[in-house]
Structure formats: structure tokens, C-alpha cells
Amino acid sequence: MLHDRVLLQRDDADGERQTGGGLLIPATASLGKRLSWARVVATGQNVRQVRLDDEALYDPEEQAEVELDGTVYVLLRERDLHAVRAPASEGEGPGLYL
């Protein structure tokens, strides 16, 4: 990875979703602008705020995709990330948001 680039791996969970109240939202339902989470698998040498295995929040409409060994990854600049969630420590909640 070069400069300020971040390589993300999506979980591709684009199926049905369930709300906190128990309602099922079908995969075909049209939503407004929705951001997505993905795991950081590589970073460039100038990336300062993101580490490997963090989860990053990004806009899927502004992504560049690249396929490596049959797996599709998302390639973004660090400044295009909206939030970062560190991995959870043992016995704690979901980790810190930066």
C-alpha cells in the first residue's frame, strides 16, 4: 500500500436486516444514503489514525474496488473514512470510536 491508502475487506452482509424492534427489512428495500463498515486489512506508510483489524466506516458510493486472488476489497484514502472502531478488548464492549 502506498501513501495514505487504506485497504478494506467488506463482510458482504447485504441480505435481510433486522431492526432493534424485530422488524425484518428485505435486501431489496431501497434506503437513503447508508454508510458501511469494513475491516482494515492493509494501510499505507502515511496512514496515522487507522490500524490493521480496525473497522472503518465509509461511503459505499465513493469507493474504488479491487479484486485480489478472487476477493473484492475496497481501496480508499484515509481522509475518506468517516469513523474508526478499534477491535474489542477481551471482556469489554465493541472497542473505541475515533
PDB file of N, CA and C in Angstrom:
ATOM      1  N   MET A   1       0.845  -1.166   0.000  1.00  0.00           N
ATOM      2  CA  MET A   1       0.000   0.000   0.000  1.00  0.00           C
ATOM      3  C   MET A   1       0.897   1.239   0.000  1.00  0.00           C
ATOM      4  N   LEU A   2       0.471   2.237  -0.716  1.00  0.00           N
ATOM      5  CA  LEU A   2       1.244   3.465  -0.821  1.00  0.00           C
ATOM      6  C   LEU A   2       0.555   4.616  -0.101  1.00  0.00           C
ATOM      7  N   HIS A   3       1.361   5.539   0.391  1.00  0.00           N
ATOM      8  CA  HIS A   3       0.932   6.834   0.920  1.00  0.00           C
ATOM      9  C   HIS A   3      -0.172   6.714   1.962  1.00  0.00           C
ATOM     10  N   ASP A   4      -1.319   7.357   1.720  1.00  0.00           N
ATOM     11  CA  ASP A   4      -2.399   7.411   2.717  1.00  0.00           C
ATOM     12  C   ASP A   4      -3.564   6.485   2.355  1.00  0.00           C
ATOM     13  N   ARG A   5      -3.269   5.416   1.650  1.00  0.00           N
ATOM     14  CA  ARG A   5      -4.327   4.496   1.217  1.00  0.00           C
ATOM     15  C   ARG A   5      -4.638   3.458   2.291  1.00  0.00           C
ATOM     16  N   VAL A   6      -5.909   3.047   2.321  1.00  0.00           N
ATOM     17  CA  VAL A   6      -6.388   2.034   3.265  1.00  0.00           C
ATOM     18  C   VAL A   6      -7.135   0.982   2.455  1.00  0.00           C
ATOM     19  N   LEU A   7      -6.821  -0.291   2.691  1.00  0.00           N
ATOM     20  CA  LEU A   7      -7.493  -1.394   2.012  1.00  0.00           C
ATOM     21  C   LEU A   7      -8.448  -2.046   3.001  1.00  0.00           C
ATOM     22  N   LEU A   8      -9.724  -2.137   2.612  1.00  0.00           N
ATOM     23  CA  LEU A   8     -10.776  -2.659   3.485  1.00  0.00           C
ATOM     24  C   LEU A   8     -11.367  -3.932   2.909  1.00  0.00           C
ATOM     25  N   GLN A   9     -11.771  -4.834   3.789  1.00  0.00           N
ATOM     26  CA  GLN A   9     -12.473  -6.050   3.372  1.00  0.00           C
ATOM     27  C   GLN A   9     -13.884  -5.986   3.924  1.00  0.00           C
ATOM     28  N   ARG A  10     -14.854  -5.992   3.010  1.00  0.00           N
ATOM     29  CA  ARG A  10     -16.262  -5.957   3.401  1.00  0.00           C
ATOM     30  C   ARG A  10     -16.703  -7.319   3.888  1.00  0.00           C
ATOM     31  N   ASP A  11     -17.762  -7.326   4.708  1.00  0.00           N
ATOM     32  CA  ASP A  11     -18.310  -8.606   5.152  1.00  0.00           C
ATOM     33  C   ASP A  11     -19.385  -9.110   4.207  1.00  0.00           C
ATOM     34  N   ASP A  12     -19.825  -8.257   3.281  1.00  0.00           N
ATOM     35  CA  ASP A  12     -20.824  -8.611   2.264  1.00  0.00           C
ATOM     36  C   ASP A  12     -22.104  -9.180   2.856  1.00  0.00           C
ATOM     37  N   ALA A  13     -22.553  -8.591   3.938  1.00  0.00           N
ATOM     38  CA  ALA A  13     -23.819  -8.997   4.551  1.00  0.00           C
ATOM     39  C   ALA A  13     -24.930  -8.120   3.990  1.00  0.00           C
ATOM     40  N   ASP A  14     -25.204  -8.281   2.697  1.00  0.00           N
ATOM     41  CA  ASP A  14     -26.204  -7.450   2.034  1.00  0.00           C
ATOM     42  C   ASP A  14     -27.578  -8.110   1.999  1.00  0.00           C
ATOM     43  N   GLY A  15     -27.805  -9.088   2.874  1.00  0.00           N
ATOM     44  CA  GLY A  15     -29.089  -9.770   2.885  1.00  0.00           C
ATOM     45  C   GLY A  15     -30.102  -9.017   3.718  1.00  0.00           C
ATOM     46  N   GLU A  16     -31.058  -9.746   4.255  1.00  0.00           N
ATOM     47  CA  GLU A  16     -32.079  -9.127   5.089  1.00  0.00           C
ATOM     48  C   GLU A  16     -31.445  -8.597   6.372  1.00  0.00           C
ATOM     49  N   ARG A  17     -32.021  -7.513   6.869  1.00  0.00           N
ATOM     50  CA  ARG A  17     -31.561  -6.928   8.120  1.00  0.00           C
ATOM     51  C   ARG A  17     -32.729  -6.897   9.082  1.00  0.00           C
ATOM     52  N   GLN A  18     -32.405  -6.877  10.365  1.00  0.00           N
ATOM     53  CA  GLN A  18     -33.452  -6.823  11.374  1.00  0.00           C
ATOM     54  C   GLN A  18     -33.216  -5.589  12.241  1.00  0.00           C
ATOM     55  N   THR A  19     -34.282  -4.831  12.471  1.00  0.00           N
ATOM     56  CA  THR A  19     -34.190  -3.644  13.310  1.00  0.00           C
ATOM     57  C   THR A  19     -34.143  -4.058  14.772  1.00  0.00           C
ATOM     58  N   GLY A  20     -33.821  -3.095  15.639  1.00  0.00           N
ATOM     59  CA  GLY A  20     -33.800  -3.374  17.070  1.00  0.00           C
ATOM     60  C   GLY A  20     -35.157  -3.807  17.603  1.00  0.00           C
ATOM     61  N   GLY A  21     -36.226  -3.357  16.954  1.00  0.00           N
ATOM     62  CA  GLY A  21     -37.580  -3.726  17.363  1.00  0.00           C
ATOM     63  C   GLY A  21     -38.053  -5.050  16.797  1.00  0.00           C
ATOM     64  N   GLY A  22     -37.248  -5.699  15.954  1.00  0.00           N
ATOM     65  CA  GLY A  22     -37.597  -7.004  15.421  1.00  0.00           C
ATOM     66  C   GLY A  22     -38.177  -7.005  14.018  1.00  0.00           C
ATOM     67  N   LEU A  23     -38.303  -5.839  13.383  1.00  0.00           N
ATOM     68  CA  LEU A  23     -38.830  -5.798  12.020  1.00  0.00           C
ATOM     69  C   LEU A  23     -37.770  -6.258  11.023  1.00  0.00           C
ATOM     70  N   LEU A  24     -38.190  -7.057  10.051  1.00  0.00           N
ATOM     71  CA  LEU A  24     -37.270  -7.510   9.008  1.00  0.00           C
ATOM     72  C   LEU A  24     -37.314  -6.548   7.835  1.00  0.00           C
ATOM     73  N   ILE A  25     -36.135  -6.133   7.373  1.00  0.00           N
ATOM     74  CA  ILE A  25     -36.027  -5.261   6.208  1.00  0.00           C
ATOM     75  C   ILE A  25     -35.440  -6.108   5.089  1.00  0.00           C
ATOM     76  N   PRO A  26     -36.174  -6.334   3.997  1.00  0.00           N
ATOM     77  CA  PRO A  26     -35.664  -7.181   2.918  1.00  0.00           C
ATOM     78  C   PRO A  26     -34.466  -6.549   2.218  1.00  0.00           C
ATOM     79  N   ALA A  27     -33.646  -7.393   1.616  1.00  0.00           N
ATOM     80  CA  ALA A  27     -32.447  -6.927   0.929  1.00  0.00           C
ATOM     81  C   ALA A  27     -32.783  -6.011  -0.244  1.00  0.00           C
ATOM     82  N   THR A  28     -33.981  -6.126  -0.778  1.00  0.00           N
ATOM     83  CA  THR A  28     -34.377  -5.322  -1.936  1.00  0.00           C
ATOM     84  C   THR A  28     -34.906  -3.949  -1.549  1.00  0.00           C
ATOM     85  N   ALA A  29     -35.050  -3.680  -0.250  1.00  0.00           N
ATOM     86  CA  ALA A  29     -35.578  -2.386   0.197  1.00  0.00           C
ATOM     87  C   ALA A  29     -34.580  -1.279  -0.138  1.00  0.00           C
ATOM     88  N   SER A  30     -35.107  -0.197  -0.659  1.00  0.00           N
ATOM     89  CA  SER A  30     -34.269   0.939  -1.020  1.00  0.00           C
ATOM     90  C   SER A  30     -34.097   1.848   0.191  1.00  0.00           C
ATOM     91  N   LEU A  31     -32.851   2.127   0.509  1.00  0.00           N
ATOM     92  CA  LEU A  31     -32.550   3.003   1.630  1.00  0.00           C
ATOM     93  C   LEU A  31     -31.911   4.272   1.105  1.00  0.00           C
ATOM     94  N   GLY A  32     -31.941   5.306   1.904  1.00  0.00           N
ATOM     95  CA  GLY A  32     -31.221   6.524   1.565  1.00  0.00           C
ATOM     96  C   GLY A  32     -29.726   6.266   1.653  1.00  0.00           C
ATOM     97  N   LYS A  33     -28.985   7.323   1.719  1.00  0.00           N
ATOM     98  CA  LYS A  33     -27.538   7.190   1.810  1.00  0.00           C
ATOM     99  C   LYS A  33     -27.179   6.457   3.099  1.00  0.00           C
ATOM    100  N   ARG A  34     -26.535   5.322   2.969  1.00  0.00           N
ATOM    101  CA  ARG A  34     -26.197   4.481   4.107  1.00  0.00           C
ATOM    102  C   ARG A  34     -24.709   4.181   4.075  1.00  0.00           C
ATOM    103  N   LEU A  35     -24.024   4.439   5.162  1.00  0.00           N
ATOM    104  CA  LEU A  35     -22.599   4.149   5.269  1.00  0.00           C
ATOM    105  C   LEU A  35     -22.406   2.693   5.645  1.00  0.00           C
ATOM    106  N   SER A  36     -21.217   2.148   5.358  1.00  0.00           N
ATOM    107  CA  SER A  36     -20.933   0.738   5.614  1.00  0.00           C
ATOM    108  C   SER A  36     -19.672   0.585   6.453  1.00  0.00           C
ATOM    109  N   TRP A  37     -19.604  -0.518   7.190  1.00  0.00           N
ATOM    110  CA  TRP A  37     -18.424  -0.869   7.972  1.00  0.00           C
ATOM    111  C   TRP A  37     -17.637  -1.934   7.228  1.00  0.00           C
ATOM    112  N   ALA A  38     -16.306  -1.863   7.336  1.00  0.00           N
ATOM    113  CA  ALA A  38     -15.438  -2.884   6.754  1.00  0.00           C
ATOM    114  C   ALA A  38     -14.170  -2.980   7.597  1.00  0.00           C
ATOM    115  N   ARG A  39     -13.516  -4.138   7.541  1.00  0.00           N
ATOM    116  CA  ARG A  39     -12.301  -4.381   8.328  1.00  0.00           C
ATOM    117  C   ARG A  39     -11.064  -3.924   7.559  1.00  0.00           C
ATOM    118  N   VAL A  40     -10.152  -3.267   8.245  1.00  0.00           N
ATOM    119  CA  VAL A  40      -8.907  -2.781   7.638  1.00  0.00           C
ATOM    120  C   VAL A  40      -7.930  -3.953   7.520  1.00  0.00           C
ATOM    121  N   VAL A  41      -7.463  -4.235   6.285  1.00  0.00           N
ATOM    122  CA  VAL A  41      -6.533  -5.341   6.066  1.00  0.00           C
ATOM    123  C   VAL A  41      -5.142  -4.869   5.659  1.00  0.00           C
ATOM    124  N   ALA A  42      -4.993  -3.602   5.248  1.00  0.00           N
ATOM    125  CA  ALA A  42      -3.671  -3.066   4.891  1.00  0.00           C
ATOM    126  C   ALA A  42      -3.741  -1.546   4.913  1.00  0.00           C
ATOM    127  N   THR A  43      -2.598  -0.919   5.236  1.00  0.00           N
ATOM    128  CA  THR A  43      -2.521   0.538   5.245  1.00  0.00           C
ATOM    129  C   THR A  43      -1.205   0.984   4.625  1.00  0.00           C
ATOM    130  N   GLY A  44      -1.211   2.189   4.067  1.00  0.00           N
ATOM    131  CA  GLY A  44      -0.001   2.784   3.528  1.00  0.00           C
ATOM    132  C   GLY A  44       0.865   3.357   4.644  1.00  0.00           C
ATOM    133  N   GLN A  45       2.099   3.738   4.304  1.00  0.00           N
ATOM    134  CA  GLN A  45       3.039   4.208   5.325  1.00  0.00           C
ATOM    135  C   GLN A  45       2.669   5.567   5.910  1.00  0.00           C
ATOM    136  N   ASN A  46       1.826   6.359   5.256  1.00  0.00           N
ATOM    137  CA  ASN A  46       1.441   7.676   5.772  1.00  0.00           C
ATOM    138  C   ASN A  46       0.104   7.685   6.495  1.00  0.00           C
ATOM    139  N   VAL A  47      -0.489   6.540   6.714  1.00  0.00           N
ATOM    140  CA  VAL A  47      -1.759   6.450   7.444  1.00  0.00           C
ATOM    141  C   VAL A  47      -1.456   6.594   8.934  1.00  0.00           C
ATOM    142  N   ARG A  48      -2.181   7.513   9.603  1.00  0.00           N
ATOM    143  CA  ARG A  48      -1.868   7.817  11.000  1.00  0.00           C
ATOM    144  C   ARG A  48      -2.919   7.352  11.992  1.00  0.00           C
ATOM    145  N   GLN A  49      -4.195   7.314  11.627  1.00  0.00           N
ATOM    146  CA  GLN A  49      -5.269   7.061  12.585  1.00  0.00           C
ATOM    147  C   GLN A  49      -5.852   5.655  12.527  1.00  0.00           C
ATOM    148  N   VAL A  50      -5.462   4.847  11.564  1.00  0.00           N
ATOM    149  CA  VAL A  50      -6.088   3.545  11.346  1.00  0.00           C
ATOM    150  C   VAL A  50      -5.041   2.454  11.489  1.00  0.00           C
ATOM    151  N   ARG A  51      -5.405   1.368  12.152  1.00  0.00           N
ATOM    152  CA  ARG A  51      -4.518   0.218  12.337  1.00  0.00           C
ATOM    153  C   ARG A  51      -5.168  -1.025  11.733  1.00  0.00           C
ATOM    154  N   LEU A  52      -4.367  -2.054  11.512  1.00  0.00           N
ATOM    155  CA  LEU A  52      -4.884  -3.319  10.999  1.00  0.00           C
ATOM    156  C   LEU A  52      -5.924  -3.884  11.963  1.00  0.00           C
ATOM    157  N   ASP A  53      -6.942  -4.490  11.415  1.00  0.00           N
ATOM    158  CA  ASP A  53      -8.067  -5.109  12.131  1.00  0.00           C
ATOM    159  C   ASP A  53      -9.039  -4.111  12.751  1.00  0.00           C
ATOM    160  N   ASP A  54      -8.816  -2.805  12.596  1.00  0.00           N
ATOM    161  CA  ASP A  54      -9.836  -1.829  12.976  1.00  0.00           C
ATOM    162  C   ASP A  54     -11.000  -1.968  12.008  1.00  0.00           C
ATOM    163  N   GLU A  55     -12.161  -1.471  12.393  1.00  0.00           N
ATOM    164  CA  GLU A  55     -13.286  -1.389  11.471  1.00  0.00           C
ATOM    165  C   GLU A  55     -13.460   0.069  11.089  1.00  0.00           C
ATOM    166  N   ALA A  56     -13.632   0.312   9.802  1.00  0.00           N
ATOM    167  CA  ALA A  56     -13.746   1.676   9.289  1.00  0.00           C
ATOM    168  C   ALA A  56     -15.115   1.890   8.668  1.00  0.00           C
ATOM    169  N   LEU A  57     -15.673   3.070   8.900  1.00  0.00           N
ATOM    170  CA  LEU A  57     -16.960   3.460   8.344  1.00  0.00           C
ATOM    171  C   LEU A  57     -16.697   4.310   7.110  1.00  0.00           C
ATOM    172  N   TYR A  58     -17.293   3.931   5.976  1.00  0.00           N
ATOM    173  CA  TYR A  58     -17.056   4.622   4.710  1.00  0.00           C
ATOM    174  C   TYR A  58     -18.342   4.709   3.903  1.00  0.00           C
ATOM    175  N   ASP A  59     -18.324   5.556   2.884  1.00  0.00           N
ATOM    176  CA  ASP A  59     -19.460   5.735   1.987  1.00  0.00           C
ATOM    177  C   ASP A  59     -19.299   4.798   0.791  1.00  0.00           C
ATOM    178  N   PRO A  60     -20.168   3.796   0.623  1.00  0.00           N
ATOM    179  CA  PRO A  60     -20.028   2.850  -0.482  1.00  0.00           C
ATOM    180  C   PRO A  60     -20.139   3.498  -1.867  1.00  0.00           C
ATOM    181  N   GLU A  61     -20.741   4.692  -1.949  1.00  0.00           N
ATOM    182  CA  GLU A  61     -20.862   5.358  -3.246  1.00  0.00           C
ATOM    183  C   GLU A  61     -19.550   5.990  -3.693  1.00  0.00           C
ATOM    184  N   GLU A  62     -18.611   6.141  -2.775  1.00  0.00           N
ATOM    185  CA  GLU A  62     -17.331   6.781  -3.097  1.00  0.00           C
ATOM    186  C   GLU A  62     -16.175   5.796  -3.029  1.00  0.00           C
ATOM    187  N   GLN A  63     -16.427   4.535  -3.268  1.00  0.00           N
ATOM    188  CA  GLN A  63     -15.391   3.519  -3.119  1.00  0.00           C
ATOM    189  C   GLN A  63     -14.776   3.124  -4.449  1.00  0.00           C
ATOM    190  N   ALA A  64     -13.545   2.667  -4.371  1.00  0.00           N
ATOM    191  CA  ALA A  64     -12.881   2.037  -5.509  1.00  0.00           C
ATOM    192  C   ALA A  64     -12.678   0.580  -5.120  1.00  0.00           C
ATOM    193  N   GLU A  65     -13.102  -0.337  -5.968  1.00  0.00           N
ATOM    194  CA  GLU A  65     -12.961  -1.758  -5.670  1.00  0.00           C
ATOM    195  C   GLU A  65     -11.792  -2.349  -6.432  1.00  0.00           C
ATOM    196  N   VAL A  66     -11.129  -3.307  -5.798  1.00  0.00           N
ATOM    197  CA  VAL A  66     -10.032  -4.026  -6.433  1.00  0.00           C
ATOM    198  C   VAL A  66     -10.184  -5.501  -6.061  1.00  0.00           C
ATOM    199  N   GLU A  67      -9.912  -6.376  -7.025  1.00  0.00           N
ATOM    200  CA  GLU A  67     -10.022  -7.811  -6.779  1.00  0.00           C
ATOM    201  C   GLU A  67      -8.622  -8.405  -6.701  1.00  0.00           C
ATOM    202  N   LEU A  68      -8.340  -9.101  -5.603  1.00  0.00           N
ATOM    203  CA  LEU A  68      -7.057  -9.771  -5.395  1.00  0.00           C
ATOM    204  C   LEU A  68      -7.320 -11.211  -5.003  1.00  0.00           C
ATOM    205  N   ASP A  69      -6.807 -12.143  -5.788  1.00  0.00           N
ATOM    206  CA  ASP A  69      -6.969 -13.573  -5.521  1.00  0.00           C
ATOM    207  C   ASP A  69      -8.427 -13.969  -5.324  1.00  0.00           C
ATOM    208  N   GLY A  70      -9.326 -13.389  -6.111  1.00  0.00           N
ATOM    209  CA  GLY A  70     -10.730 -13.737  -6.074  1.00  0.00           C
ATOM    210  C   GLY A  70     -11.532 -13.052  -4.974  1.00  0.00           C
ATOM    211  N   THR A  71     -10.896 -12.206  -4.177  1.00  0.00           N
ATOM    212  CA  THR A  71     -11.586 -11.474  -3.115  1.00  0.00           C
ATOM    213  C   THR A  71     -11.661 -10.007  -3.493  1.00  0.00           C
ATOM    214  N   VAL A  72     -12.841  -9.402  -3.313  1.00  0.00           N
ATOM    215  CA  VAL A  72     -13.030  -7.994  -3.649  1.00  0.00           C
ATOM    216  C   VAL A  72     -12.755  -7.143  -2.405  1.00  0.00           C
ATOM    217  N   TYR A  73     -11.906  -6.154  -2.553  1.00  0.00           N
ATOM    218  CA  TYR A  73     -11.551  -5.233  -1.480  1.00  0.00           C
ATOM    219  C   TYR A  73     -11.963  -3.820  -1.870  1.00  0.00           C
ATOM    220  N   VAL A  74     -12.036  -2.936  -0.880  1.00  0.00           N
ATOM    221  CA  VAL A  74     -12.331  -1.523  -1.093  1.00  0.00           C
ATOM    222  C   VAL A  74     -11.048  -0.743  -0.827  1.00  0.00           C
ATOM    223  N   LEU A  75     -10.689   0.150  -1.742  1.00  0.00           N
ATOM    224  CA  LEU A  75      -9.482   0.957  -1.614  1.00  0.00           C
ATOM    225  C   LEU A  75      -9.885   2.422  -1.470  1.00  0.00           C
ATOM    226  N   LEU A  76      -9.467   3.054  -0.358  1.00  0.00           N
ATOM    227  CA  LEU A  76      -9.830   4.441  -0.071  1.00  0.00           C
ATOM    228  C   LEU A  76      -8.624   5.196   0.468  1.00  0.00           C
ATOM    229  N   ARG A  77      -8.716   6.525   0.447  1.00  0.00           N
ATOM    230  CA  ARG A  77      -7.754   7.358   1.163  1.00  0.00           C
ATOM    231  C   ARG A  77      -8.196   7.420   2.618  1.00  0.00           C
ATOM    232  N   GLU A  78      -7.251   7.629   3.519  1.00  0.00           N
ATOM    233  CA  GLU A  78      -7.594   7.721   4.935  1.00  0.00           C
ATOM    234  C   GLU A  78      -8.598   8.841   5.196  1.00  0.00           C
ATOM    235  N   ARG A  79      -8.483   9.946   4.481  1.00  0.00           N
ATOM    236  CA  ARG A  79      -9.381  11.086   4.702  1.00  0.00           C
ATOM    237  C   ARG A  79     -10.819  10.809   4.270  1.00  0.00           C
ATOM    238  N   ASP A  80     -11.049   9.748   3.491  1.00  0.00           N
ATOM    239  CA  ASP A  80     -12.396   9.388   3.047  1.00  0.00           C
ATOM    240  C   ASP A  80     -13.143   8.524   4.062  1.00  0.00           C
ATOM    241  N   LEU A  81     -12.488   8.148   5.159  1.00  0.00           N
ATOM    242  CA  LEU A  81     -13.142   7.366   6.200  1.00  0.00           C
ATOM    243  C   LEU A  81     -13.906   8.305   7.123  1.00  0.00           C
ATOM    244  N   HIS A  82     -15.063   7.865   7.585  1.00  0.00           N
ATOM    245  CA  HIS A  82     -15.904   8.690   8.448  1.00  0.00           C
ATOM    246  C   HIS A  82     -15.678   8.400   9.928  1.00  0.00           C
ATOM    247  N   ALA A  83     -15.323   7.160  10.278  1.00  0.00           N
ATOM    248  CA  ALA A  83     -15.084   6.789  11.672  1.00  0.00           C
ATOM    249  C   ALA A  83     -14.258   5.513  11.691  1.00  0.00           C
ATOM    250  N   VAL A  84     -13.624   5.273  12.830  1.00  0.00           N
ATOM    251  CA  VAL A  84     -12.832   4.054  13.016  1.00  0.00           C
ATOM    252  C   VAL A  84     -13.211   3.456  14.360  1.00  0.00           C
ATOM    253  N   ARG A  85     -13.424   2.140  14.363  1.00  0.00           N
ATOM    254  CA  ARG A  85     -13.727   1.429  15.604  1.00  0.00           C
ATOM    255  C   ARG A  85     -12.608   0.428  15.844  1.00  0.00           C
ATOM    256  N   ALA A  86     -11.930   0.557  16.970  1.00  0.00           N
ATOM    257  CA  ALA A  86     -10.847  -0.356  17.316  1.00  0.00           C
ATOM    258  C   ALA A  86     -11.430  -1.714  17.692  1.00  0.00           C
ATOM    259  N   PRO A  87     -10.652  -2.784  17.539  1.00  0.00           N
ATOM    260  CA  PRO A  87     -11.149  -4.103  17.942  1.00  0.00           C
ATOM    261  C   PRO A  87     -11.454  -4.125  19.437  1.00  0.00           C
ATOM    262  N   ALA A  88     -12.417  -4.928  19.824  1.00  0.00           N
ATOM    263  CA  ALA A  88     -12.808  -5.030  21.230  1.00  0.00           C
ATOM    264  C   ALA A  88     -11.723  -5.738  22.015  1.00  0.00           C
ATOM    265  N   SER A  89     -11.460  -5.253  23.219  1.00  0.00           N
ATOM    266  CA  SER A  89     -10.548  -5.944  24.127  1.00  0.00           C
ATOM    267  C   SER A  89     -11.312  -7.075  24.785  1.00  0.00           C
ATOM    268  N   GLU A  90     -10.590  -8.048  25.298  1.00  0.00           N
ATOM    269  CA  GLU A  90     -11.260  -9.190  25.932  1.00  0.00           C
ATOM    270  C   GLU A  90     -12.068  -8.728  27.132  1.00  0.00           C
ATOM    271  N   GLY A  91     -13.308  -9.159  27.203  1.00  0.00           N
ATOM    272  CA  GLY A  91     -14.170  -8.842  28.322  1.00  0.00           C
ATOM    273  C   GLY A  91     -14.770  -7.449  28.275  1.00  0.00           C
ATOM    274  N   GLU A  92     -14.571  -6.718  27.204  1.00  0.00           N
ATOM    275  CA  GLU A  92     -15.109  -5.366  27.100  1.00  0.00           C
ATOM    276  C   GLU A  92     -16.102  -5.295  25.954  1.00  0.00           C
ATOM    277  N   GLY A  93     -16.658  -4.100  25.742  1.00  0.00           N
ATOM    278  CA  GLY A  93     -17.613  -3.856  24.680  1.00  0.00           C
ATOM    279  C   GLY A  93     -16.965  -3.825  23.319  1.00  0.00           C
ATOM    280  N   PRO A  94     -17.571  -3.125  22.355  1.00  0.00           N
ATOM    281  CA  PRO A  94     -17.120  -3.174  20.974  1.00  0.00           C
ATOM    282  C   PRO A  94     -15.865  -2.373  20.650  1.00  0.00           C
ATOM    283  N   GLY A  95     -15.199  -1.758  21.575  1.00  0.00           N
ATOM    284  CA  GLY A  95     -13.986  -1.015  21.268  1.00  0.00           C
ATOM    285  C   GLY A  95     -14.258   0.469  21.148  1.00  0.00           C
ATOM    286  N   LEU A  96     -13.219   1.227  20.993  1.00  0.00           N
ATOM    287  CA  LEU A  96     -13.321   2.678  20.968  1.00  0.00           C
ATOM    288  C   LEU A  96     -13.631   3.204  19.589  1.00  0.00           C
ATOM    289  N   TYR A  97     -14.393   4.288  19.539  1.00  0.00           N
ATOM    290  CA  TYR A  97     -14.648   5.002  18.298  1.00  0.00           C
ATOM    291  C   TYR A  97     -13.726   6.204  18.268  1.00  0.00           C
ATOM    292  N   LEU A  98     -13.087   6.438  17.141  1.00  0.00           N
ATOM    293  CA  LEU A  98     -12.184   7.586  16.999  1.00  0.00           C
ATOM    294  C   LEU A  98     -12.784   8.619  16.095  1.00  0.00           C
TER     295      LEU A  98
END
